[in-house]
Amino acid sequence: MRTICRDGWTAADYDSEQILHQLGHRDAAVLVTRARRWHPLRRAWRTLRAWQR
């Protein structure tokens, strides 16, 4: 099993990982880490939408 860096994880992240494990996902930590990743396009889109209002 690979070691995944879990820096900055919250209790909700650990809960999500446990639930994904229970549902049978083998890469639960990877899924949670990927979901926590910074999304520059989403942030830019939100900024543009807020600017248009």
N, C-alpha and C. Protein backbone atom coordinates (compact mmCIF):
# COMPACT_ATOMS: atom_id res chain seq x y z
N MET A 1 0.84 -1.18 0.00
CA MET A 1 0.00 0.00 0.00
C MET A 1 0.88 1.24 0.00
N ARG A 2 0.47 2.22 -0.81
CA ARG A 2 1.25 3.46 -0.91
C ARG A 2 0.97 4.35 0.29
N THR A 3 1.97 5.17 0.62
CA THR A 3 1.79 6.17 1.67
C THR A 3 1.38 7.47 1.01
N ILE A 4 0.27 8.02 1.45
CA ILE A 4 -0.26 9.26 0.89
C ILE A 4 -0.01 10.38 1.88
N CYS A 5 0.47 11.51 1.37
CA CYS A 5 0.68 12.68 2.22
C CYS A 5 -0.67 13.27 2.59
N ARG A 6 -0.95 13.38 3.88
CA ARG A 6 -2.25 13.87 4.34
C ARG A 6 -2.11 15.19 5.09
N ASP A 7 -1.18 16.03 4.68
CA ASP A 7 -1.00 17.33 5.33
C ASP A 7 -2.23 18.20 5.13
N GLY A 8 -2.68 18.80 6.19
CA GLY A 8 -3.78 19.74 6.10
C GLY A 8 -5.16 19.09 6.06
N TRP A 9 -5.23 17.80 6.26
CA TRP A 9 -6.52 17.13 6.25
C TRP A 9 -7.32 17.51 7.49
N THR A 10 -8.62 17.60 7.33
CA THR A 10 -9.51 17.88 8.45
C THR A 10 -10.17 16.58 8.90
N ALA A 11 -10.91 16.64 9.98
CA ALA A 11 -11.63 15.46 10.46
C ALA A 11 -12.62 14.97 9.40
N ALA A 12 -13.22 15.89 8.67
CA ALA A 12 -14.16 15.52 7.61
C ALA A 12 -13.45 14.74 6.50
N ASP A 13 -12.19 15.10 6.23
CA ASP A 13 -11.43 14.38 5.21
C ASP A 13 -11.19 12.93 5.63
N TYR A 14 -10.82 12.74 6.90
CA TYR A 14 -10.62 11.39 7.40
C TYR A 14 -11.92 10.60 7.39
N ASP A 15 -13.02 11.26 7.73
CA ASP A 15 -14.33 10.59 7.68
C ASP A 15 -14.66 10.18 6.25
N SER A 16 -14.41 11.07 5.31
CA SER A 16 -14.68 10.77 3.90
C SER A 16 -13.85 9.58 3.44
N GLU A 17 -12.59 9.55 3.87
CA GLU A 17 -11.73 8.43 3.50
C GLU A 17 -12.28 7.12 4.04
N GLN A 18 -12.71 7.11 5.28
CA GLN A 18 -13.25 5.90 5.89
C GLN A 18 -14.52 5.43 5.18
N ILE A 19 -15.38 6.37 4.83
CA ILE A 19 -16.62 6.02 4.13
C ILE A 19 -16.31 5.43 2.76
N LEU A 20 -15.37 6.05 2.04
CA LEU A 20 -14.99 5.54 0.73
C LEU A 20 -14.39 4.14 0.84
N HIS A 21 -13.60 3.89 1.89
CA HIS A 21 -13.05 2.54 2.13
C HIS A 21 -14.18 1.55 2.35
N GLN A 22 -15.16 1.93 3.15
CA GLN A 22 -16.29 1.05 3.44
C GLN A 22 -17.11 0.76 2.19
N LEU A 23 -17.15 1.71 1.27
CA LEU A 23 -17.88 1.51 0.02
C LEU A 23 -17.08 0.69 -1.00
N GLY A 24 -15.83 0.39 -0.65
CA GLY A 24 -15.03 -0.49 -1.49
C GLY A 24 -14.03 0.19 -2.40
N HIS A 25 -13.82 1.49 -2.24
CA HIS A 25 -12.82 2.19 -3.06
C HIS A 25 -11.43 1.88 -2.51
N ARG A 26 -10.57 1.35 -3.38
CA ARG A 26 -9.22 1.02 -2.93
C ARG A 26 -8.34 2.26 -2.79
N ASP A 27 -8.60 3.29 -3.59
CA ASP A 27 -7.78 4.50 -3.58
C ASP A 27 -8.52 5.65 -2.89
N ALA A 28 -9.08 5.40 -1.73
CA ALA A 28 -9.88 6.40 -1.03
C ALA A 28 -9.06 7.64 -0.69
N ALA A 29 -7.84 7.45 -0.22
CA ALA A 29 -7.01 8.59 0.15
C ALA A 29 -6.68 9.44 -1.08
N VAL A 30 -6.47 8.79 -2.21
CA VAL A 30 -6.18 9.52 -3.45
C VAL A 30 -7.40 10.35 -3.86
N LEU A 31 -8.58 9.78 -3.74
CA LEU A 31 -9.80 10.50 -4.10
C LEU A 31 -10.01 11.72 -3.22
N VAL A 32 -9.77 11.57 -1.93
CA VAL A 32 -9.94 12.69 -1.01
C VAL A 32 -8.89 13.75 -1.28
N THR A 33 -7.66 13.34 -1.49
CA THR A 33 -6.58 14.29 -1.78
C THR A 33 -6.86 15.04 -3.07
N ARG A 34 -7.33 14.34 -4.08
CA ARG A 34 -7.66 14.97 -5.36
C ARG A 34 -8.80 15.98 -5.19
N ALA A 35 -9.76 15.67 -4.36
CA ALA A 35 -10.88 16.58 -4.13
C ALA A 35 -10.43 17.84 -3.39
N ARG A 36 -9.38 17.73 -2.57
CA ARG A 36 -8.87 18.88 -1.82
C ARG A 36 -7.93 19.75 -2.65
N ARG A 37 -7.54 19.27 -3.82
CA ARG A 37 -6.59 20.00 -4.66
C ARG A 37 -7.11 21.38 -5.02
N TRP A 38 -6.20 22.33 -5.18
CA TRP A 38 -6.54 23.69 -5.55
C TRP A 38 -7.05 23.68 -6.98
N HIS A 39 -8.14 24.39 -7.25
CA HIS A 39 -8.76 24.42 -8.57
C HIS A 39 -8.74 25.86 -9.11
N PRO A 40 -7.67 26.26 -9.80
CA PRO A 40 -7.55 27.65 -10.24
C PRO A 40 -8.66 28.07 -11.22
N LEU A 41 -9.12 27.16 -12.07
CA LEU A 41 -10.17 27.54 -13.02
C LEU A 41 -11.48 27.81 -12.31
N ARG A 42 -11.80 27.01 -11.30
CA ARG A 42 -13.02 27.26 -10.54
C ARG A 42 -12.97 28.61 -9.84
N ARG A 43 -11.81 28.90 -9.26
CA ARG A 43 -11.66 30.18 -8.56
C ARG A 43 -11.79 31.35 -9.54
N ALA A 44 -11.18 31.22 -10.71
CA ALA A 44 -11.26 32.28 -11.71
C ALA A 44 -12.70 32.45 -12.18
N TRP A 45 -13.41 31.35 -12.38
CA TRP A 45 -14.80 31.44 -12.82
C TRP A 45 -15.66 32.13 -11.77
N ARG A 46 -15.47 31.78 -10.50
CA ARG A 46 -16.23 32.43 -9.43
C ARG A 46 -15.94 33.93 -9.37
N THR A 47 -14.67 34.30 -9.58
CA THR A 47 -14.28 35.70 -9.57
C THR A 47 -14.95 36.45 -10.70
N LEU A 48 -14.95 35.86 -11.88
CA LEU A 48 -15.59 36.51 -13.02
C LEU A 48 -17.09 36.66 -12.83
N ARG A 49 -17.72 35.62 -12.30
CA ARG A 49 -19.16 35.70 -12.06
C ARG A 49 -19.50 36.77 -11.03
N ALA A 50 -18.70 36.86 -9.98
CA ALA A 50 -18.93 37.87 -8.95
C ALA A 50 -18.71 39.28 -9.51
N TRP A 51 -17.75 39.42 -10.40
CA TRP A 51 -17.43 40.71 -10.99
C TRP A 51 -18.56 41.19 -11.88
N GLN A 52 -19.27 40.26 -12.55
CA GLN A 52 -20.34 40.63 -13.48
C GLN A 52 -21.60 41.09 -12.75
N ARG A 53 -21.75 40.76 -11.52
CA ARG A 53 -22.96 41.12 -10.77
C ARG A 53 -23.03 42.55 -10.45
